[in-house]
N, C-alpha and C. Protein backbone atom coordinates (compact mmCIF):
# COMPACT_ATOMS: atom_id res chain seq x y z
N UNK A 1 -11.33 12.58 -1.78
CA UNK A 1 -10.36 12.03 -2.71
C UNK A 1 -8.97 12.06 -2.06
N UNK A 2 -8.22 10.97 -2.17
CA UNK A 2 -6.91 10.93 -1.54
C UNK A 2 -5.95 11.94 -2.16
N UNK A 3 -5.04 12.47 -1.36
CA UNK A 3 -4.06 13.40 -1.91
C UNK A 3 -2.96 12.60 -2.60
N UNK A 4 -2.31 13.22 -3.55
CA UNK A 4 -1.27 12.55 -4.32
C UNK A 4 -0.03 12.32 -3.47
N UNK A 5 0.58 11.16 -3.64
CA UNK A 5 1.74 10.77 -2.85
C UNK A 5 2.89 11.76 -3.04
N UNK A 6 3.17 12.18 -4.26
CA UNK A 6 4.26 13.13 -4.50
C UNK A 6 4.01 14.42 -3.72
N UNK A 7 2.78 14.93 -3.75
CA UNK A 7 2.45 16.15 -3.01
C UNK A 7 2.64 15.96 -1.51
N UNK A 8 2.20 14.82 -0.99
CA UNK A 8 2.35 14.56 0.45
C UNK A 8 3.82 14.51 0.84
N UNK A 9 4.64 13.89 0.01
CA UNK A 9 6.07 13.80 0.30
C UNK A 9 6.71 15.18 0.28
N UNK A 10 6.34 15.99 -0.70
CA UNK A 10 6.88 17.36 -0.77
C UNK A 10 6.49 18.18 0.45
N UNK A 11 5.24 18.07 0.87
CA UNK A 11 4.78 18.82 2.04
C UNK A 11 5.55 18.44 3.30
N UNK A 12 5.98 17.20 3.38
CA UNK A 12 6.78 16.72 4.52
C UNK A 12 8.22 17.20 4.44
N UNK A 13 8.63 17.74 3.29
CA UNK A 13 10.01 18.13 3.09
C UNK A 13 10.90 16.95 2.74
N UNK A 14 10.28 15.86 2.31
CA UNK A 14 11.03 14.65 1.95
C UNK A 14 11.81 14.90 0.66
N UNK A 15 13.08 14.59 0.66
CA UNK A 15 13.93 14.83 -0.50
C UNK A 15 13.54 13.89 -1.64
N UNK A 16 13.08 14.45 -2.74
CA UNK A 16 12.62 13.65 -3.88
C UNK A 16 13.70 13.60 -4.96
N UNK A 17 14.52 12.57 -4.89
CA UNK A 17 15.46 12.31 -5.98
C UNK A 17 14.64 11.86 -7.19
N UNK A 18 15.30 11.75 -8.33
CA UNK A 18 14.59 11.29 -9.53
C UNK A 18 14.00 9.91 -9.31
N UNK A 19 14.74 9.04 -8.62
CA UNK A 19 14.26 7.68 -8.37
C UNK A 19 13.06 7.67 -7.43
N UNK A 20 13.14 8.43 -6.35
CA UNK A 20 12.02 8.49 -5.41
C UNK A 20 10.78 9.08 -6.06
N UNK A 21 10.97 10.11 -6.86
CA UNK A 21 9.85 10.74 -7.54
C UNK A 21 9.15 9.76 -8.48
N UNK A 22 9.93 9.00 -9.24
CA UNK A 22 9.35 8.02 -10.17
C UNK A 22 8.60 6.94 -9.40
N UNK A 23 9.17 6.44 -8.31
CA UNK A 23 8.49 5.41 -7.51
C UNK A 23 7.19 5.98 -6.95
N UNK A 24 7.22 7.22 -6.46
CA UNK A 24 6.01 7.86 -5.93
C UNK A 24 4.97 8.04 -7.03
N UNK A 25 5.39 8.42 -8.22
CA UNK A 25 4.45 8.60 -9.33
C UNK A 25 3.81 7.26 -9.71
N UNK A 26 4.59 6.20 -9.72
CA UNK A 26 4.07 4.87 -10.06
C UNK A 26 3.06 4.42 -9.01
N UNK A 27 3.32 4.76 -7.75
CA UNK A 27 2.44 4.34 -6.66
C UNK A 27 1.19 5.20 -6.52
N UNK A 28 1.09 6.26 -7.27
CA UNK A 28 -0.02 7.18 -7.11
C UNK A 28 -1.26 6.70 -7.85
N UNK A 29 -2.37 6.59 -7.14
CA UNK A 29 -3.62 6.20 -7.77
C UNK A 29 -4.55 5.54 -6.78
N UNK A 30 -5.82 5.49 -7.14
CA UNK A 30 -6.81 4.85 -6.29
C UNK A 30 -6.88 3.37 -6.62
N UNK A 31 -7.20 2.56 -5.61
CA UNK A 31 -7.28 1.10 -5.75
C UNK A 31 -6.01 0.52 -6.35
N UNK A 32 -4.88 1.08 -5.93
CA UNK A 32 -3.58 0.62 -6.42
C UNK A 32 -2.89 -0.14 -5.29
N UNK A 33 -2.51 -1.36 -5.55
CA UNK A 33 -1.90 -2.22 -4.54
C UNK A 33 -0.80 -3.04 -5.22
N UNK A 34 0.28 -2.38 -5.55
CA UNK A 34 1.34 -3.02 -6.31
C UNK A 34 2.37 -3.68 -5.40
N UNK A 35 2.98 -4.75 -5.90
CA UNK A 35 4.14 -5.33 -5.23
C UNK A 35 5.36 -4.51 -5.62
N UNK A 36 6.47 -4.70 -4.91
CA UNK A 36 7.69 -3.97 -5.25
C UNK A 36 8.16 -4.33 -6.66
N UNK A 37 7.99 -5.58 -7.06
CA UNK A 37 8.36 -5.97 -8.43
C UNK A 37 7.52 -5.25 -9.46
N UNK A 38 6.22 -5.11 -9.20
CA UNK A 38 5.35 -4.39 -10.12
C UNK A 38 5.72 -2.90 -10.18
N UNK A 39 6.08 -2.34 -9.03
CA UNK A 39 6.53 -0.95 -9.00
C UNK A 39 7.80 -0.81 -9.84
N UNK A 40 8.73 -1.74 -9.67
CA UNK A 40 9.98 -1.68 -10.43
C UNK A 40 9.72 -1.75 -11.94
N UNK A 41 8.86 -2.66 -12.33
CA UNK A 41 8.56 -2.83 -13.76
C UNK A 41 8.01 -1.53 -14.36
N UNK A 42 7.08 -0.89 -13.65
CA UNK A 42 6.49 0.36 -14.14
C UNK A 42 7.47 1.53 -14.05
N UNK A 43 8.28 1.55 -12.98
CA UNK A 43 9.25 2.64 -12.81
C UNK A 43 10.33 2.57 -13.89
N UNK A 44 10.72 1.36 -14.28
CA UNK A 44 11.77 1.19 -15.29
C UNK A 44 11.35 1.71 -16.66
N UNK A 45 10.04 1.77 -16.90
CA UNK A 45 9.55 2.35 -18.15
C UNK A 45 9.82 3.86 -18.16
N UNK A 46 9.66 4.49 -16.99
CA UNK A 46 9.87 5.93 -16.87
C UNK A 46 11.32 6.31 -16.65
N UNK A 47 12.07 5.44 -15.98
CA UNK A 47 13.47 5.70 -15.65
C UNK A 47 14.23 4.37 -15.79
N UNK A 48 14.66 4.06 -17.02
CA UNK A 48 15.22 2.73 -17.30
C UNK A 48 16.38 2.31 -16.40
N UNK A 49 17.14 3.24 -15.88
CA UNK A 49 18.31 2.88 -15.07
C UNK A 49 17.98 2.61 -13.60
N UNK A 50 16.72 2.72 -13.21
CA UNK A 50 16.37 2.49 -11.81
C UNK A 50 16.54 1.01 -11.46
N UNK A 51 17.21 0.77 -10.35
CA UNK A 51 17.48 -0.62 -9.96
C UNK A 51 16.36 -1.18 -9.11
N UNK A 52 16.26 -2.48 -9.09
CA UNK A 52 15.27 -3.17 -8.26
C UNK A 52 15.53 -2.86 -6.79
N UNK A 53 16.79 -2.83 -6.38
CA UNK A 53 17.14 -2.54 -4.98
C UNK A 53 16.68 -1.14 -4.59
N UNK A 54 16.83 -0.18 -5.48
CA UNK A 54 16.39 1.18 -5.20
C UNK A 54 14.88 1.22 -5.00
N UNK A 55 14.16 0.52 -5.84
CA UNK A 55 12.70 0.48 -5.71
C UNK A 55 12.31 -0.17 -4.39
N UNK A 56 12.90 -1.31 -4.07
CA UNK A 56 12.59 -2.00 -2.81
C UNK A 56 12.87 -1.10 -1.62
N UNK A 57 14.03 -0.46 -1.62
CA UNK A 57 14.39 0.43 -0.52
C UNK A 57 13.45 1.62 -0.43
N UNK A 58 13.07 2.16 -1.56
CA UNK A 58 12.20 3.34 -1.58
C UNK A 58 10.80 3.03 -1.07
N UNK A 59 10.20 1.94 -1.54
CA UNK A 59 8.85 1.61 -1.05
C UNK A 59 8.89 1.30 0.44
N UNK A 60 9.99 0.68 0.90
CA UNK A 60 10.14 0.41 2.33
C UNK A 60 10.26 1.71 3.12
N UNK A 61 11.01 2.68 2.60
CA UNK A 61 11.13 3.99 3.25
C UNK A 61 9.78 4.69 3.31
N UNK A 62 9.05 4.66 2.21
CA UNK A 62 7.72 5.28 2.19
C UNK A 62 6.81 4.64 3.24
N UNK A 63 6.92 3.33 3.39
CA UNK A 63 6.11 2.64 4.40
C UNK A 63 6.56 3.03 5.82
N UNK A 64 7.86 3.11 6.03
CA UNK A 64 8.39 3.45 7.35
C UNK A 64 7.98 4.85 7.81
N UNK A 65 7.87 5.78 6.87
CA UNK A 65 7.46 7.14 7.26
C UNK A 65 5.94 7.31 7.23
N UNK A 66 5.23 6.23 6.92
CA UNK A 66 3.77 6.25 6.98
C UNK A 66 3.07 6.85 5.78
N UNK A 67 3.76 6.93 4.65
CA UNK A 67 3.14 7.50 3.45
C UNK A 67 2.54 6.45 2.52
N UNK A 68 2.86 5.19 2.73
CA UNK A 68 2.18 4.09 2.05
C UNK A 68 1.96 2.99 3.09
N UNK A 69 0.94 2.21 2.88
CA UNK A 69 0.69 1.06 3.74
C UNK A 69 1.35 -0.16 3.13
N UNK A 70 2.07 -0.91 3.94
CA UNK A 70 2.64 -2.17 3.50
C UNK A 70 1.67 -3.27 3.91
N UNK A 71 1.12 -3.96 2.94
CA UNK A 71 0.07 -4.94 3.19
C UNK A 71 0.53 -6.35 2.87
N UNK A 72 0.24 -7.27 3.75
CA UNK A 72 0.46 -8.69 3.49
C UNK A 72 -0.92 -9.31 3.32
N UNK A 73 -1.42 -9.26 2.10
CA UNK A 73 -2.82 -9.63 1.86
C UNK A 73 -3.01 -11.07 1.46
N UNK A 74 -2.05 -11.62 0.74
CA UNK A 74 -2.27 -12.94 0.15
C UNK A 74 -1.27 -13.99 0.61
N UNK A 75 -0.44 -13.65 1.58
CA UNK A 75 0.55 -14.61 2.06
C UNK A 75 1.72 -14.80 1.12
N UNK A 76 1.74 -14.09 0.02
CA UNK A 76 2.84 -14.22 -0.94
C UNK A 76 3.72 -12.97 -0.88
N UNK A 77 3.38 -11.96 -1.64
CA UNK A 77 4.17 -10.75 -1.72
C UNK A 77 3.51 -9.62 -0.95
N UNK A 78 4.33 -8.70 -0.48
CA UNK A 78 3.79 -7.51 0.14
C UNK A 78 3.29 -6.58 -0.96
N UNK A 79 2.20 -5.91 -0.67
CA UNK A 79 1.64 -4.93 -1.59
C UNK A 79 1.73 -3.56 -0.91
N UNK A 80 1.82 -2.52 -1.73
CA UNK A 80 1.95 -1.17 -1.20
C UNK A 80 0.77 -0.33 -1.64
N UNK A 81 0.11 0.27 -0.67
CA UNK A 81 -1.11 1.04 -0.87
C UNK A 81 -0.82 2.50 -0.55
N UNK A 82 -0.90 3.39 -1.56
CA UNK A 82 -0.61 4.81 -1.32
C UNK A 82 -1.77 5.57 -0.67
N UNK A 83 -2.93 4.95 -0.59
CA UNK A 83 -4.11 5.63 -0.06
C UNK A 83 -4.22 5.37 1.43
N UNK A 84 -3.54 6.22 2.19
CA UNK A 84 -3.50 6.01 3.64
C UNK A 84 -4.68 6.65 4.36
N UNK A 85 -5.35 7.60 3.72
CA UNK A 85 -6.53 8.25 4.31
C UNK A 85 -7.62 8.32 3.25
N UNK A 86 -8.82 8.09 3.56
CA UNK A 86 -9.31 7.65 4.86
C UNK A 86 -8.97 6.18 5.08
N UNK A 87 -9.05 5.76 6.34
CA UNK A 87 -8.80 4.36 6.67
C UNK A 87 -9.78 3.49 5.89
N UNK A 88 -9.33 2.33 5.47
CA UNK A 88 -10.19 1.46 4.68
C UNK A 88 -9.75 0.01 4.85
N UNK A 89 -10.60 -0.89 4.41
CA UNK A 89 -10.30 -2.31 4.43
C UNK A 89 -10.00 -2.74 3.00
N UNK A 90 -9.78 -4.03 2.81
CA UNK A 90 -9.44 -4.53 1.48
C UNK A 90 -10.25 -5.77 1.12
N UNK A 91 -10.50 -5.90 -0.17
CA UNK A 91 -11.19 -7.04 -0.76
C UNK A 91 -10.20 -7.67 -1.74
N UNK A 92 -9.93 -8.96 -1.59
CA UNK A 92 -8.92 -9.60 -2.43
C UNK A 92 -9.48 -10.88 -3.06
N UNK A 93 -9.14 -11.07 -4.33
CA UNK A 93 -9.49 -12.32 -5.01
C UNK A 93 -8.40 -13.33 -4.67
N UNK A 94 -8.78 -14.44 -4.09
CA UNK A 94 -7.82 -15.46 -3.69
C UNK A 94 -7.22 -16.22 -4.87
N UNK A 95 -7.75 -16.01 -6.06
CA UNK A 95 -7.25 -16.73 -7.23
C UNK A 95 -6.23 -15.92 -8.01
N UNK A 96 -6.55 -14.67 -8.32
CA UNK A 96 -5.64 -13.86 -9.14
C UNK A 96 -4.92 -12.77 -8.36
N UNK A 97 -5.36 -12.50 -7.12
CA UNK A 97 -4.70 -11.50 -6.29
C UNK A 97 -5.19 -10.08 -6.47
N UNK A 98 -6.21 -9.87 -7.28
CA UNK A 98 -6.79 -8.55 -7.48
C UNK A 98 -7.23 -7.98 -6.13
N UNK A 99 -6.91 -6.70 -5.88
CA UNK A 99 -7.21 -6.08 -4.59
C UNK A 99 -7.97 -4.78 -4.81
N UNK A 100 -9.02 -4.59 -4.01
CA UNK A 100 -9.79 -3.34 -4.03
C UNK A 100 -9.82 -2.75 -2.63
N UNK A 101 -9.85 -1.41 -2.58
CA UNK A 101 -10.10 -0.72 -1.32
C UNK A 101 -11.59 -0.84 -1.02
N UNK A 102 -11.92 -1.00 0.26
CA UNK A 102 -13.30 -1.09 0.68
C UNK A 102 -13.53 -0.02 1.75
N UNK A 103 -14.36 0.95 1.43
CA UNK A 103 -14.69 1.99 2.42
C UNK A 103 -15.50 1.38 3.53
N UNK A 104 -15.31 1.89 4.71
CA UNK A 104 -16.09 1.38 5.82
C UNK A 104 -16.51 2.52 6.73
N UNK A 105 -17.66 2.36 7.31
CA UNK A 105 -18.14 3.37 8.25
C UNK A 105 -18.25 2.81 9.65
N UNK A 106 -18.08 1.51 9.78
CA UNK A 106 -18.16 0.86 11.08
C UNK A 106 -16.75 0.45 11.48
N UNK A 107 -16.26 0.93 12.62
CA UNK A 107 -14.91 0.55 13.03
C UNK A 107 -14.85 -0.93 13.41
N UNK A 108 -13.65 -1.47 13.35
CA UNK A 108 -13.45 -2.87 13.76
C UNK A 108 -13.78 -3.00 15.24
N UNK A 109 -14.29 -4.14 15.64
CA UNK A 109 -14.63 -4.30 17.06
C UNK A 109 -13.38 -4.23 17.93
N UNK A 110 -13.49 -3.60 19.08
CA UNK A 110 -12.32 -3.51 19.96
C UNK A 110 -12.01 -4.86 20.58
N UNK A 111 -10.76 -5.05 20.93
CA UNK A 111 -10.35 -6.28 21.59
C UNK A 111 -10.50 -6.13 23.10
N UNK A 112 -10.83 -7.22 23.73
CA UNK A 112 -10.88 -7.25 25.18
C UNK A 112 -9.45 -7.10 25.71
N UNK A 113 -9.30 -6.50 26.85
CA UNK A 113 -7.98 -6.27 27.44
C UNK A 113 -7.15 -7.55 27.50
N UNK A 114 -7.77 -8.68 27.78
CA UNK A 114 -7.03 -9.95 27.88
C UNK A 114 -6.51 -10.42 26.52
N UNK A 115 -7.09 -9.92 25.43
CA UNK A 115 -6.65 -10.32 24.09
C UNK A 115 -5.54 -9.43 23.53
N UNK A 116 -5.26 -8.31 24.19
CA UNK A 116 -4.27 -7.36 23.70
C UNK A 116 -2.83 -7.80 23.93
N UNK A 117 -2.60 -8.62 24.94
CA UNK A 117 -1.24 -9.08 25.26
C UNK A 117 -0.27 -7.91 25.41
N UNK A 118 -0.76 -6.86 26.06
CA UNK A 118 0.00 -5.64 26.35
C UNK A 118 0.42 -4.87 25.09
N UNK A 119 -0.23 -5.12 23.97
CA UNK A 119 0.05 -4.38 22.74
C UNK A 119 -0.80 -3.12 22.71
N UNK A 120 -0.31 -2.13 21.97
CA UNK A 120 -1.07 -0.92 21.70
C UNK A 120 -1.49 -1.01 20.23
N UNK A 121 -2.79 -0.97 19.98
CA UNK A 121 -3.29 -1.07 18.61
C UNK A 121 -3.05 0.25 17.89
N UNK A 122 -2.39 0.18 16.74
CA UNK A 122 -2.10 1.37 15.95
C UNK A 122 -3.02 1.49 14.74
N UNK A 123 -3.43 0.37 14.21
CA UNK A 123 -4.40 0.37 13.11
C UNK A 123 -5.02 -1.00 13.02
N UNK A 124 -6.17 -1.03 12.41
CA UNK A 124 -6.89 -2.28 12.23
C UNK A 124 -7.15 -2.47 10.75
N UNK A 125 -6.98 -3.67 10.30
CA UNK A 125 -7.21 -3.95 8.89
C UNK A 125 -8.04 -5.22 8.77
N UNK A 126 -9.09 -5.12 8.01
CA UNK A 126 -9.93 -6.28 7.73
C UNK A 126 -9.77 -6.60 6.25
N UNK A 127 -9.54 -7.86 5.93
CA UNK A 127 -9.38 -8.28 4.54
C UNK A 127 -10.51 -9.25 4.22
N UNK A 128 -11.29 -8.90 3.22
CA UNK A 128 -12.35 -9.77 2.73
C UNK A 128 -11.77 -10.60 1.60
N UNK A 129 -11.98 -11.90 1.63
CA UNK A 129 -11.46 -12.80 0.60
C UNK A 129 -12.61 -13.34 -0.23
N UNK A 130 -12.37 -13.51 -1.52
CA UNK A 130 -13.41 -14.04 -2.40
C UNK A 130 -12.84 -14.40 -3.75
N UNK A 131 -13.71 -14.51 -4.73
CA UNK A 131 -13.34 -14.82 -6.10
C UNK A 131 -13.95 -13.76 -7.00
N UNK A 132 -13.09 -13.10 -7.78
CA UNK A 132 -13.57 -12.03 -8.67
C UNK A 132 -14.33 -12.61 -9.86
N UNK A 133 -15.01 -11.75 -10.56
CA UNK A 133 -15.81 -12.17 -11.72
C UNK A 133 -14.94 -12.83 -12.79
N UNK A 134 -13.73 -12.32 -12.99
CA UNK A 134 -12.84 -12.86 -14.01
C UNK A 134 -12.35 -14.28 -13.71
N UNK A 135 -12.31 -14.63 -12.43
CA UNK A 135 -11.84 -15.97 -12.03
C UNK A 135 -12.95 -16.98 -11.83
N UNK A 136 -14.19 -16.51 -11.79
CA UNK A 136 -15.31 -17.44 -11.58
C UNK A 136 -15.59 -18.27 -12.80
């Protein structure tokens, strides 16, 4: 089971202001892949004075320190995934944007040296696209 984002941030010694704590609480959960706007909407229920800019900056900071994954799954908005361990792939409905974590036991195939273009691979992500039951 993934550890809670607030706990992970505390263990790192990350300073949790009221705004950061609320954003972390909103982002906490399994199969959660919210956009920054969705995070703001939920955070404003808990802390009405939280600004959209604060939420955007906070989710970006969490991504920069590696505590959430910033995902570009649908070509529209970035989604933020708090479940960084274990590594997983994603399943997305191309119609409504619903996203699920997909556990995997087989690693992604390695790239041939000629395909790397002198890059160092830091993580691999596979996105499965389809149509959910609600959209069929």
